[in-house]
């Protein structure tokens, strides 16, 4: 059911072992260290493969994450702000990734610009607690969503390139 490229990507992202969330004090700090190691490895793998497509950072506590993701189509880069909070029940509950500027532009999104991950990613996450982390949510949740939804939104005219938007003003 999973294609070879996805399997290869997943195999290259380190799995996590610590079952801890934001309310777990020192254990959360240890989990965050694992999260950063996993994210750094995923990002460096993407850069080496020439598939760099997002930037991410967090607040000091590691409970609020924000950054940018982008999609290239027809030699144009479409960039979007992304954000998510770590749920208090993390890692049992995965993060709900949001792209607020796309709120209301597709049916595969919830209020506030949260992307729909219920059918495909959430069951996968549930089977892999505590091994999956933020890098896995980005790679297996946000990545496929962006790859499918953004081209459709561009084609329908719901998303315009920044050059088009600037020239209309």
N, C-alpha and C. Protein backbone atom coordinates (compact mmCIF):
# COMPACT_ATOMS: atom_id res chain seq x y z
N UNK A 1 0.82 -1.19 0.00
CA UNK A 1 0.00 0.00 0.00
C UNK A 1 0.87 1.27 0.00
N UNK A 2 2.06 1.20 0.62
CA UNK A 2 2.98 2.33 0.64
C UNK A 2 3.98 2.14 -0.49
N UNK A 3 4.20 3.21 -1.25
CA UNK A 3 5.14 3.10 -2.37
C UNK A 3 6.59 3.05 -1.88
N UNK A 4 7.48 2.65 -2.77
CA UNK A 4 8.88 2.46 -2.42
C UNK A 4 9.56 3.76 -1.96
N UNK A 5 9.23 4.88 -2.60
CA UNK A 5 9.84 6.16 -2.21
C UNK A 5 9.45 6.52 -0.78
N UNK A 6 8.20 6.28 -0.42
CA UNK A 6 7.74 6.57 0.94
C UNK A 6 8.43 5.65 1.94
N UNK A 7 8.56 4.37 1.59
CA UNK A 7 9.25 3.43 2.47
C UNK A 7 10.70 3.85 2.69
N UNK A 8 11.34 4.30 1.62
CA UNK A 8 12.74 4.74 1.72
C UNK A 8 12.86 5.98 2.61
N UNK A 9 11.95 6.93 2.41
CA UNK A 9 11.94 8.14 3.24
C UNK A 9 11.73 7.78 4.70
N UNK A 10 10.74 6.94 4.96
CA UNK A 10 10.41 6.55 6.33
C UNK A 10 11.57 5.81 6.99
N UNK A 11 12.22 4.93 6.25
CA UNK A 11 13.34 4.17 6.80
C UNK A 11 14.51 5.07 7.19
N UNK A 12 14.62 6.22 6.55
CA UNK A 12 15.74 7.13 6.82
C UNK A 12 15.46 8.12 7.95
N UNK A 13 14.24 8.11 8.48
CA UNK A 13 13.91 9.00 9.60
C UNK A 13 14.04 8.20 10.89
N UNK A 14 14.89 8.64 11.80
CA UNK A 14 15.05 7.90 13.06
C UNK A 14 13.73 7.79 13.84
N UNK A 15 13.50 6.61 14.39
CA UNK A 15 12.33 6.40 15.23
C UNK A 15 12.62 6.89 16.64
N UNK A 16 11.58 7.21 17.36
CA UNK A 16 11.71 7.72 18.72
C UNK A 16 11.34 6.63 19.71
N UNK A 17 11.78 6.77 20.95
CA UNK A 17 11.51 5.71 21.93
C UNK A 17 10.84 6.22 23.20
N UNK A 18 11.01 7.48 23.51
CA UNK A 18 10.50 8.01 24.78
C UNK A 18 9.03 8.38 24.64
N UNK A 19 8.21 7.84 25.51
CA UNK A 19 6.78 8.13 25.51
C UNK A 19 6.57 9.25 26.54
N UNK A 20 6.58 10.50 26.04
CA UNK A 20 6.41 11.64 26.94
C UNK A 20 5.80 12.80 26.18
N UNK A 21 4.99 13.58 26.88
CA UNK A 21 4.36 14.76 26.32
C UNK A 21 4.74 16.00 27.10
N UNK A 22 4.15 17.13 26.73
CA UNK A 22 4.53 18.41 27.34
C UNK A 22 4.35 18.49 28.86
N UNK A 23 3.53 17.66 29.44
CA UNK A 23 3.31 17.70 30.89
C UNK A 23 4.25 16.77 31.67
N UNK A 24 5.19 16.13 30.97
CA UNK A 24 6.01 15.11 31.60
C UNK A 24 7.40 15.58 32.04
N UNK A 25 7.58 16.89 32.19
CA UNK A 25 8.82 17.44 32.75
C UNK A 25 10.08 17.01 32.04
N UNK A 26 11.00 16.39 32.79
CA UNK A 26 12.30 15.99 32.25
C UNK A 26 12.18 14.95 31.14
N UNK A 27 11.17 14.09 31.23
CA UNK A 27 10.98 13.10 30.16
C UNK A 27 10.62 13.81 28.85
N UNK A 28 9.86 14.91 28.94
CA UNK A 28 9.53 15.68 27.74
C UNK A 28 10.79 16.29 27.12
N UNK A 29 11.69 16.76 27.95
CA UNK A 29 12.94 17.32 27.46
C UNK A 29 13.72 16.24 26.69
N UNK A 30 13.74 15.03 27.22
CA UNK A 30 14.41 13.93 26.53
C UNK A 30 13.71 13.58 25.22
N UNK A 31 12.38 13.59 25.24
CA UNK A 31 11.61 13.33 24.01
C UNK A 31 11.92 14.41 22.97
N UNK A 32 11.97 15.67 23.41
CA UNK A 32 12.29 16.76 22.49
C UNK A 32 13.66 16.58 21.84
N UNK A 33 14.62 16.09 22.59
CA UNK A 33 15.95 15.82 22.02
C UNK A 33 15.83 14.79 20.90
N UNK A 34 15.05 13.75 21.15
CA UNK A 34 14.82 12.74 20.11
C UNK A 34 14.12 13.36 18.90
N UNK A 35 13.15 14.22 19.16
CA UNK A 35 12.41 14.89 18.07
C UNK A 35 13.37 15.70 17.20
N UNK A 36 14.24 16.46 17.84
CA UNK A 36 15.18 17.29 17.08
C UNK A 36 16.15 16.44 16.27
N UNK A 37 16.64 15.36 16.84
CA UNK A 37 17.56 14.47 16.10
C UNK A 37 16.84 13.92 14.87
N UNK A 38 15.61 13.50 15.05
CA UNK A 38 14.83 12.95 13.94
C UNK A 38 14.57 14.00 12.86
N UNK A 39 14.17 15.19 13.28
CA UNK A 39 13.91 16.28 12.33
C UNK A 39 15.18 16.69 11.58
N UNK A 40 16.27 16.82 12.28
CA UNK A 40 17.53 17.21 11.65
C UNK A 40 17.93 16.18 10.61
N UNK A 41 17.79 14.91 10.92
CA UNK A 41 18.14 13.86 9.97
C UNK A 41 17.22 13.91 8.75
N UNK A 42 15.92 14.09 8.97
CA UNK A 42 14.97 14.17 7.85
C UNK A 42 15.30 15.37 6.95
N UNK A 43 15.56 16.51 7.54
CA UNK A 43 15.88 17.72 6.77
C UNK A 43 17.19 17.53 6.00
N UNK A 44 18.20 16.96 6.64
CA UNK A 44 19.48 16.77 5.93
C UNK A 44 19.32 15.75 4.79
N UNK A 45 18.51 14.72 5.01
CA UNK A 45 18.23 13.76 3.92
C UNK A 45 17.57 14.47 2.74
N UNK A 46 16.60 15.34 3.03
CA UNK A 46 15.91 16.09 1.97
C UNK A 46 16.89 16.97 1.21
N UNK A 47 17.75 17.67 1.93
CA UNK A 47 18.72 18.55 1.28
C UNK A 47 19.66 17.77 0.39
N UNK A 48 20.14 16.63 0.87
CA UNK A 48 21.04 15.79 0.08
C UNK A 48 20.35 15.28 -1.19
N UNK A 49 19.05 15.00 -1.09
CA UNK A 49 18.29 14.48 -2.23
C UNK A 49 17.75 15.60 -3.13
N UNK A 50 17.97 16.85 -2.74
CA UNK A 50 17.45 17.98 -3.52
C UNK A 50 15.94 18.15 -3.40
N UNK A 51 15.39 17.67 -2.28
CA UNK A 51 13.94 17.76 -2.08
C UNK A 51 13.58 18.56 -0.83
N UNK A 52 14.35 19.58 -0.57
CA UNK A 52 14.11 20.45 0.58
C UNK A 52 12.80 21.19 0.36
N UNK A 53 11.84 21.07 1.29
CA UNK A 53 10.52 21.67 1.05
C UNK A 53 9.87 22.29 2.29
N UNK A 54 10.57 22.36 3.41
CA UNK A 54 9.98 23.01 4.58
C UNK A 54 11.06 23.48 5.54
N UNK A 55 10.68 24.43 6.40
CA UNK A 55 11.48 24.91 7.52
C UNK A 55 10.58 24.86 8.74
N UNK A 56 11.17 24.53 9.88
CA UNK A 56 10.37 24.39 11.09
C UNK A 56 11.19 24.80 12.30
N UNK A 57 10.55 25.46 13.23
CA UNK A 57 11.18 25.80 14.51
C UNK A 57 10.11 25.78 15.58
N UNK A 58 10.56 25.81 16.83
CA UNK A 58 9.59 25.73 17.93
C UNK A 58 9.85 26.82 18.96
N UNK A 59 8.87 26.97 19.84
CA UNK A 59 9.11 27.84 20.99
C UNK A 59 10.08 27.12 21.93
N UNK A 60 10.50 27.78 22.97
CA UNK A 60 11.52 27.24 23.89
C UNK A 60 11.08 25.92 24.52
N UNK A 61 9.79 25.79 24.80
CA UNK A 61 9.27 24.59 25.46
C UNK A 61 9.02 23.44 24.49
N UNK A 62 9.07 23.72 23.19
CA UNK A 62 8.82 22.68 22.20
C UNK A 62 7.35 22.30 22.08
N UNK A 63 6.47 23.21 22.51
CA UNK A 63 5.03 22.92 22.48
C UNK A 63 4.32 23.60 21.33
N UNK A 64 4.92 24.61 20.76
CA UNK A 64 4.34 25.35 19.63
C UNK A 64 5.36 25.38 18.51
N UNK A 65 4.96 24.91 17.32
CA UNK A 65 5.86 24.82 16.18
C UNK A 65 5.33 25.67 15.05
N UNK A 66 6.24 26.23 14.27
CA UNK A 66 5.83 27.11 13.17
C UNK A 66 6.94 27.12 12.13
N UNK A 67 6.58 27.49 10.94
CA UNK A 67 7.57 27.55 9.87
C UNK A 67 6.92 27.77 8.53
N UNK A 68 7.57 27.27 7.50
CA UNK A 68 7.09 27.42 6.13
C UNK A 68 7.23 26.09 5.41
N UNK A 69 6.34 25.88 4.47
CA UNK A 69 6.50 24.77 3.54
C UNK A 69 6.27 25.34 2.15
N UNK A 70 6.79 24.68 1.15
CA UNK A 70 6.61 25.20 -0.20
C UNK A 70 6.42 24.06 -1.19
N UNK A 71 5.82 24.43 -2.30
CA UNK A 71 5.55 23.51 -3.40
C UNK A 71 5.98 24.20 -4.68
N UNK A 72 6.71 23.48 -5.53
CA UNK A 72 7.16 24.03 -6.80
C UNK A 72 6.32 23.42 -7.91
N UNK A 73 5.74 24.30 -8.72
CA UNK A 73 4.94 23.86 -9.86
C UNK A 73 5.17 24.83 -11.01
N UNK A 74 5.39 24.31 -12.19
CA UNK A 74 5.63 25.13 -13.38
C UNK A 74 6.74 26.16 -13.13
N UNK A 75 7.81 25.70 -12.49
CA UNK A 75 8.99 26.51 -12.18
C UNK A 75 8.69 27.70 -11.26
N UNK A 76 7.58 27.62 -10.53
CA UNK A 76 7.21 28.66 -9.57
C UNK A 76 7.09 28.04 -8.18
N UNK A 77 7.58 28.76 -7.20
CA UNK A 77 7.52 28.29 -5.83
C UNK A 77 6.35 28.95 -5.11
N UNK A 78 5.49 28.13 -4.53
CA UNK A 78 4.36 28.59 -3.75
C UNK A 78 4.69 28.29 -2.29
N UNK A 79 4.73 29.34 -1.47
CA UNK A 79 5.18 29.21 -0.08
C UNK A 79 4.02 29.47 0.87
N UNK A 80 3.97 28.68 1.96
CA UNK A 80 2.87 28.78 2.92
C UNK A 80 3.41 28.71 4.34
N UNK A 81 2.81 29.50 5.22
CA UNK A 81 3.12 29.43 6.64
C UNK A 81 2.43 28.19 7.21
N UNK A 82 3.12 27.47 8.11
CA UNK A 82 2.51 26.34 8.77
C UNK A 82 2.71 26.47 10.26
N UNK A 83 1.84 25.81 11.01
CA UNK A 83 1.92 25.89 12.46
C UNK A 83 1.20 24.69 13.07
N UNK A 84 1.58 24.36 14.28
CA UNK A 84 0.87 23.35 15.06
C UNK A 84 1.32 23.39 16.50
N UNK A 85 0.45 22.91 17.36
CA UNK A 85 0.76 22.77 18.78
C UNK A 85 0.92 21.29 19.09
N UNK A 86 1.72 20.98 20.07
CA UNK A 86 1.85 19.60 20.52
C UNK A 86 0.70 19.35 21.51
N UNK A 87 -0.15 18.36 21.24
CA UNK A 87 -1.26 18.08 22.16
C UNK A 87 -0.75 17.62 23.53
N UNK A 88 -1.52 17.88 24.57
CA UNK A 88 -1.10 17.45 25.91
C UNK A 88 -1.03 15.94 26.00
N UNK A 89 -1.76 15.23 25.14
CA UNK A 89 -1.74 13.77 25.15
C UNK A 89 -0.70 13.18 24.19
N UNK A 90 0.19 14.03 23.67
CA UNK A 90 1.26 13.59 22.78
C UNK A 90 2.18 12.64 23.53
N UNK A 91 2.69 11.61 22.93
CA UNK A 91 2.61 11.21 21.54
C UNK A 91 1.42 10.31 21.20
N UNK A 92 0.57 10.01 22.16
CA UNK A 92 -0.61 9.18 21.85
C UNK A 92 -1.48 9.86 20.80
N UNK A 93 -1.51 11.18 20.82
CA UNK A 93 -2.25 11.96 19.83
C UNK A 93 -1.24 12.75 19.02
N UNK A 94 -1.32 12.64 17.71
CA UNK A 94 -0.41 13.37 16.84
C UNK A 94 -0.78 14.83 16.72
N UNK A 95 0.13 15.65 16.23
CA UNK A 95 -0.15 17.08 16.05
C UNK A 95 -1.12 17.32 14.89
N UNK A 96 -1.88 18.39 15.00
CA UNK A 96 -2.78 18.81 13.92
C UNK A 96 -2.10 19.98 13.20
N UNK A 97 -1.57 19.69 12.05
CA UNK A 97 -0.80 20.68 11.29
C UNK A 97 -1.75 21.61 10.56
N UNK A 98 -1.48 22.91 10.64
CA UNK A 98 -2.35 23.90 10.02
C UNK A 98 -1.57 24.78 9.04
N UNK A 99 -2.25 25.12 7.95
CA UNK A 99 -1.77 26.12 6.99
C UNK A 99 -2.89 27.16 6.95
N UNK A 100 -2.88 28.10 7.90
CA UNK A 100 -4.02 29.02 8.09
C UNK A 100 -4.45 29.79 6.84
N UNK A 101 -3.51 30.18 5.98
CA UNK A 101 -3.89 30.98 4.81
C UNK A 101 -4.72 30.19 3.80
N UNK A 102 -4.77 28.87 3.93
CA UNK A 102 -5.57 28.05 3.01
C UNK A 102 -6.92 27.67 3.61
N UNK A 103 -7.21 28.16 4.81
CA UNK A 103 -8.47 27.86 5.48
C UNK A 103 -9.65 28.17 4.56
N UNK A 104 -10.52 27.18 4.39
CA UNK A 104 -11.73 27.37 3.59
C UNK A 104 -11.54 27.19 2.09
N UNK A 105 -10.33 26.87 1.65
CA UNK A 105 -10.09 26.75 0.20
C UNK A 105 -10.20 25.31 -0.30
N UNK A 106 -10.24 24.34 0.60
CA UNK A 106 -10.38 22.95 0.21
C UNK A 106 -11.21 22.20 1.25
N UNK A 107 -11.92 21.18 0.79
CA UNK A 107 -12.72 20.37 1.70
C UNK A 107 -11.84 19.49 2.57
N UNK A 108 -10.59 19.30 2.19
CA UNK A 108 -9.68 18.45 2.95
C UNK A 108 -8.93 19.25 4.00
N UNK A 109 -9.71 20.05 4.74
CA UNK A 109 -9.14 20.93 5.75
C UNK A 109 -10.22 21.23 6.78
N UNK A 110 -9.79 21.40 8.02
CA UNK A 110 -10.72 21.74 9.09
C UNK A 110 -10.58 23.22 9.43
N UNK A 111 -11.48 23.70 10.28
CA UNK A 111 -11.47 25.10 10.70
C UNK A 111 -10.09 25.49 11.24
N UNK A 112 -9.67 26.67 10.85
CA UNK A 112 -8.37 27.17 11.26
C UNK A 112 -7.24 26.75 10.33
N UNK A 113 -7.59 26.10 9.24
CA UNK A 113 -6.57 25.69 8.28
C UNK A 113 -5.87 24.39 8.62
N UNK A 114 -6.48 23.59 9.53
CA UNK A 114 -5.86 22.31 9.89
C UNK A 114 -6.10 21.31 8.76
N UNK A 115 -5.01 20.71 8.31
CA UNK A 115 -5.12 19.78 7.19
C UNK A 115 -5.75 18.47 7.66
N UNK A 116 -6.48 17.84 6.77
CA UNK A 116 -7.18 16.59 7.08
C UNK A 116 -6.20 15.42 7.01
N UNK A 117 -6.01 14.77 8.14
CA UNK A 117 -5.13 13.61 8.21
C UNK A 117 -5.85 12.38 8.75
N UNK A 118 -7.16 12.48 8.96
CA UNK A 118 -7.89 11.44 9.67
C UNK A 118 -7.90 10.08 8.99
N UNK A 119 -8.17 10.02 7.71
CA UNK A 119 -8.34 8.73 7.04
C UNK A 119 -7.05 7.95 6.88
N UNK A 120 -5.97 8.63 6.54
CA UNK A 120 -4.76 7.92 6.19
C UNK A 120 -3.67 7.98 7.26
N UNK A 121 -3.41 9.16 7.79
CA UNK A 121 -2.27 9.30 8.67
C UNK A 121 -2.56 8.95 10.13
N UNK A 122 -3.70 9.35 10.65
CA UNK A 122 -3.97 9.11 12.08
C UNK A 122 -3.94 7.63 12.46
N UNK A 123 -4.51 6.72 11.65
CA UNK A 123 -4.39 5.29 12.01
C UNK A 123 -2.93 4.81 11.99
N UNK A 124 -2.15 5.31 11.06
CA UNK A 124 -0.73 4.96 10.98
C UNK A 124 0.01 5.47 12.21
N UNK A 125 -0.30 6.70 12.61
CA UNK A 125 0.31 7.28 13.81
C UNK A 125 -0.04 6.42 15.02
N UNK A 126 -1.31 6.07 15.17
CA UNK A 126 -1.76 5.30 16.33
C UNK A 126 -1.03 3.95 16.43
N UNK A 127 -0.74 3.33 15.30
CA UNK A 127 -0.04 2.04 15.31
C UNK A 127 1.44 2.19 15.63
N UNK A 128 1.96 3.39 15.59
CA UNK A 128 3.40 3.61 15.75
C UNK A 128 3.77 4.49 16.94
N UNK A 129 2.89 4.60 17.93
CA UNK A 129 3.19 5.36 19.15
C UNK A 129 4.14 4.51 20.00
N UNK A 130 5.20 5.03 20.55
CA UNK A 130 5.74 6.38 20.52
C UNK A 130 6.82 6.58 19.45
N UNK A 131 6.93 5.64 18.51
CA UNK A 131 8.04 5.66 17.54
C UNK A 131 7.97 6.83 16.57
N UNK A 132 6.77 7.27 16.23
CA UNK A 132 6.64 8.39 15.30
C UNK A 132 6.70 9.70 16.06
N UNK A 133 7.23 10.72 15.37
CA UNK A 133 7.34 12.05 15.95
C UNK A 133 7.02 13.10 14.92
N UNK A 134 7.46 14.30 15.17
CA UNK A 134 7.16 15.45 14.32
C UNK A 134 7.66 15.23 12.90
N UNK A 135 8.86 14.72 12.74
CA UNK A 135 9.41 14.48 11.39
C UNK A 135 8.51 13.52 10.61
N UNK A 136 7.96 12.53 11.29
CA UNK A 136 7.08 11.56 10.63
C UNK A 136 5.76 12.23 10.24
N UNK A 137 5.26 13.12 11.11
CA UNK A 137 4.03 13.85 10.80
C UNK A 137 4.22 14.74 9.58
N UNK A 138 5.37 15.35 9.48
CA UNK A 138 5.66 16.20 8.32
C UNK A 138 5.81 15.34 7.06
N UNK A 139 6.59 14.26 7.15
CA UNK A 139 6.88 13.42 5.99
C UNK A 139 5.67 12.64 5.50
N UNK A 140 4.90 12.09 6.42
CA UNK A 140 3.80 11.19 6.04
C UNK A 140 2.43 11.85 6.11
N UNK A 141 2.35 13.03 6.70
CA UNK A 141 1.09 13.75 6.81
C UNK A 141 1.06 14.97 5.93
N UNK A 142 1.88 15.95 6.28
CA UNK A 142 1.91 17.20 5.52
C UNK A 142 2.41 17.01 4.10
N UNK A 143 3.48 16.25 3.92
CA UNK A 143 4.07 16.06 2.59
C UNK A 143 3.08 15.57 1.55
N UNK A 144 2.43 14.44 1.79
CA UNK A 144 1.45 13.95 0.82
C UNK A 144 0.28 14.91 0.62
N UNK A 145 -0.15 15.58 1.70
CA UNK A 145 -1.26 16.52 1.60
C UNK A 145 -0.88 17.66 0.66
N UNK A 146 0.29 18.23 0.87
CA UNK A 146 0.77 19.33 0.02
C UNK A 146 0.89 18.85 -1.43
N UNK A 147 1.44 17.67 -1.63
CA UNK A 147 1.66 17.15 -2.98
C UNK A 147 0.36 16.95 -3.76
N UNK A 148 -0.72 16.64 -3.06
CA UNK A 148 -2.01 16.41 -3.72
C UNK A 148 -2.86 17.68 -3.77
N UNK A 149 -2.96 18.36 -2.66
CA UNK A 149 -3.90 19.49 -2.56
C UNK A 149 -3.42 20.77 -3.23
N UNK A 150 -2.15 21.12 -3.08
CA UNK A 150 -1.67 22.39 -3.62
C UNK A 150 -1.80 22.45 -5.14
N UNK A 151 -1.38 21.43 -5.89
CA UNK A 151 -1.57 21.50 -7.35
C UNK A 151 -3.04 21.67 -7.73
N UNK A 152 -3.93 21.00 -7.00
CA UNK A 152 -5.36 21.13 -7.26
C UNK A 152 -5.85 22.55 -6.98
N UNK A 153 -5.40 23.13 -5.87
CA UNK A 153 -5.79 24.50 -5.53
C UNK A 153 -5.24 25.51 -6.53
N UNK A 154 -4.05 25.27 -7.04
CA UNK A 154 -3.46 26.15 -8.06
C UNK A 154 -4.27 26.05 -9.34
N UNK A 155 -4.56 24.82 -9.75
CA UNK A 155 -5.32 24.58 -10.98
C UNK A 155 -6.70 25.22 -10.92
N UNK A 156 -7.34 25.19 -9.75
CA UNK A 156 -8.67 25.77 -9.59
C UNK A 156 -8.62 27.29 -9.40
N UNK A 157 -7.43 27.84 -9.25
CA UNK A 157 -7.29 29.28 -9.09
C UNK A 157 -7.46 29.78 -7.66
N UNK A 158 -7.52 28.86 -6.68
CA UNK A 158 -7.67 29.25 -5.28
C UNK A 158 -6.36 29.70 -4.67
N UNK A 159 -5.26 29.27 -5.27
CA UNK A 159 -3.94 29.67 -4.81
C UNK A 159 -3.24 30.35 -5.99
N UNK A 160 -2.75 31.53 -5.75
CA UNK A 160 -2.04 32.29 -6.78
C UNK A 160 -0.58 32.43 -6.36
N UNK A 161 0.29 32.49 -7.34
CA UNK A 161 1.70 32.72 -7.07
C UNK A 161 1.87 34.16 -6.59
N UNK A 162 2.85 34.38 -5.73
CA UNK A 162 3.05 35.73 -5.17
C UNK A 162 3.27 36.78 -6.25
N UNK A 163 3.88 36.42 -7.39
CA UNK A 163 4.06 37.38 -8.48
C UNK A 163 2.72 37.79 -9.08
N UNK A 164 1.80 36.85 -9.21
CA UNK A 164 0.46 37.15 -9.72
C UNK A 164 -0.30 38.04 -8.75
N UNK A 165 -0.17 37.75 -7.47
CA UNK A 165 -0.87 38.51 -6.45
C UNK A 165 -0.36 39.94 -6.39
N UNK A 166 0.97 40.11 -6.46
CA UNK A 166 1.57 41.44 -6.42
C UNK A 166 1.22 42.28 -7.63
N UNK A 167 1.13 41.66 -8.82
CA UNK A 167 0.84 42.43 -10.03
C UNK A 167 -0.62 42.85 -10.10
N UNK A 168 -1.49 42.17 -9.34
CA UNK A 168 -2.92 42.53 -9.34
C UNK A 168 -3.18 43.74 -8.45
N UNK A 169 -2.26 44.07 -7.57
CA UNK A 169 -2.50 45.16 -6.62
C UNK A 169 -2.12 46.50 -7.19
